[in-house]
Every structure is written in C-alpha cells, then in structure tokens.
C-alpha atoms as a PDB file:
ATOM      1  CA  MET A   1     -63.599 -99.056  92.617  1.00  0.00           C
ATOM      2  CA  THR A   2     -64.482 -97.113  89.443  1.00  0.00           C
ATOM      3  CA  PRO A   3     -61.550 -97.021  86.988  1.00  0.00           C
ATOM      4  CA  ARG A   4     -60.098 -93.285  86.257  1.00  0.00           C
ATOM      5  CA  ARG A   5     -60.999 -91.849  82.778  1.00  0.00           C
ATOM      6  CA  GLY A   6     -57.213 -92.632  81.434  1.00  0.00           C
ATOM      7  CA  ASP A   7     -57.151 -96.051  82.571  1.00  0.00           C
ATOM      8  CA  ALA A   8     -58.297 -97.304  79.494  1.00  0.00           C
ATOM      9  CA  ASP A   9     -56.184 -95.089  77.407  1.00  0.00           C
ATOM     10  CA  ASN A  10     -53.077 -96.506  79.364  1.00  0.00           C
ATOM     11  CA  GLN A  11     -53.930-100.207  79.001  1.00  0.00           C
ATOM     12  CA  ALA A  12     -54.722 -99.609  75.283  1.00  0.00           C
ATOM     13  CA  ASP A  13     -51.107 -97.633  74.920  1.00  0.00           C
ATOM     14  CA  ALA A  14     -49.249-100.665  77.402  1.00  0.00           C
ATOM     15  CA  ALA A  15     -51.193-103.245  75.054  1.00  0.00           C
ATOM     16  CA  ALA A  16     -50.150-101.640  71.321  1.00  0.00           C
ATOM     17  CA  ALA A  17     -46.225-100.728  72.768  1.00  0.00           C
ATOM     18  CA  ASP A  18     -45.946-104.626  73.784  1.00  0.00           C
ATOM     19  CA  SER A  19     -47.651-105.957  70.409  1.00  0.00           C
ATOM     20  CA  ARG A  20     -44.920-103.588  68.539  1.00  0.00           C
ATOM     21  CA  ALA A  21     -42.529-104.822  70.806  1.00  0.00           C
ATOM     22  CA  THR A  22     -43.847-108.422  70.064  1.00  0.00           C
ATOM     23  CA  ALA A  23     -43.681-107.586  66.624  1.00  0.00           C
ATOM     24  CA  ALA A  24     -39.969-106.404  66.612  1.00  0.00           C
ATOM     25  CA  ALA A  25     -38.653-109.263  68.340  1.00  0.00           C
ATOM     26  CA  ALA A  26     -40.592-111.641  65.608  1.00  0.00           C
ATOM     27  CA  TRP A  27     -38.894-110.104  62.903  1.00  0.00           C
ATOM     28  CA  THR A  28     -35.526-109.355  63.997  1.00  0.00           C
ATOM     29  CA  PRO A  29     -33.100-111.763  62.047  1.00  0.00           C
ATOM     30  CA  HIS A  30     -30.751-112.230  64.805  1.00  0.00           C
ATOM     31  CA  SER A  31     -30.639-115.119  67.459  1.00  0.00           C
ATOM     32  CA  GLU A  32     -30.995-114.151  70.997  1.00  0.00           C
ATOM     33  CA  ALA A  33     -27.142-115.960  71.488  1.00  0.00           C
ATOM     34  CA  GLU A  34     -26.209-113.215  68.686  1.00  0.00           C
ATOM     35  CA  ILE A  35     -27.934-110.520  70.380  1.00  0.00           C
ATOM     36  CA  GLU A  36     -26.283-111.101  73.786  1.00  0.00           C
ATOM     37  CA  LYS A  37     -22.786-111.913  72.377  1.00  0.00           C
ATOM     38  CA  HIS A  38     -23.189-108.007  71.375  1.00  0.00           C
ATOM     39  CA  ASN A  39     -24.796-107.004  74.807  1.00  0.00           C
ATOM     40  CA  THR A  40     -21.494-108.574  76.385  1.00  0.00           C
ATOM     41  CA  LYS A  41     -18.964-106.638  73.966  1.00  0.00           C
ATOM     42  CA  GLU A  42     -20.679-103.398  74.350  1.00  0.00           C
ATOM     43  CA  LEU A  43     -20.735-103.926  78.617  1.00  0.00           C
ATOM     44  CA  ARG A  44     -17.212-104.628  78.381  1.00  0.00           C
ATOM     45  CA  ARG A  45     -16.321-101.737  75.880  1.00  0.00           C
ATOM     46  CA  LEU A  46     -18.212 -99.639  78.250  1.00  0.00           C
ATOM     47  CA  SER A  47     -16.511-100.825  81.378  1.00  0.00           C
ATOM     48  CA  ARG A  48     -12.976-100.131  79.591  1.00  0.00           C
ATOM     49  CA  LYS A  49     -14.422 -96.661  78.699  1.00  0.00           C
ATOM     50  CA  ARG A  50     -15.249 -95.626  82.125  1.00  0.00           C
ATOM     51  CA  ALA A  51     -12.032 -97.240  83.398  1.00  0.00           C
ATOM     52  CA  ALA A  52      -9.895 -94.770  81.312  1.00  0.00           C
ATOM     53  CA  ARG A  53     -12.031 -91.932  82.218  1.00  0.00           C
ATOM     54  CA  LEU A  54     -11.572 -92.954  86.042  1.00  0.00           C
ATOM     55  CA  ALA A  55      -7.608 -93.310  85.695  1.00  0.00           C
ATOM     56  CA  LYS A  56      -7.514 -90.144  83.720  1.00  0.00           C
ATOM     57  CA  SER A  57      -9.642 -88.178  86.548  1.00  0.00           C
ATOM     58  CA  GLN A  58      -7.278 -89.786  89.338  1.00  0.00           C
ATOM     59  CA  ALA A  59      -4.115 -89.188  87.719  1.00  0.00           C
ATOM     60  CA  ALA A  60      -4.926 -85.200  87.207  1.00  0.00           C
END
C-alpha cells in the first residue's frame, strides 16, 4: 500500500508535537508528585463546584 500524500506531513507534525511535549516536560521545575498533588486538588475543587451546582438546581 502506498502512503497517502499527507501521511509524511502528519507524521512530521506528530513528531514535532511529541518533541515539544518532551521538551516542555524536561524544563518544568515541578516534580511529578507536585503536579499530581495539584491535579488532585483541582479535581476536588471541580467536584465541589459541580456538587454545589447540582444542589442549587435541585433546590430550585
């Protein structure tokens, strides 16, 4: 099967995005544990917010 014309471009774009993601992860000053802690806090905050909206809509 011959590759479609855009395949090389798509692969190049994917490779570039991957290298940018790797580079971004490499320079971040935060450890994975700190990031995980932040994400957990953010999820809890969003969960509380969602619960408050639900309670408010059910009360109305």
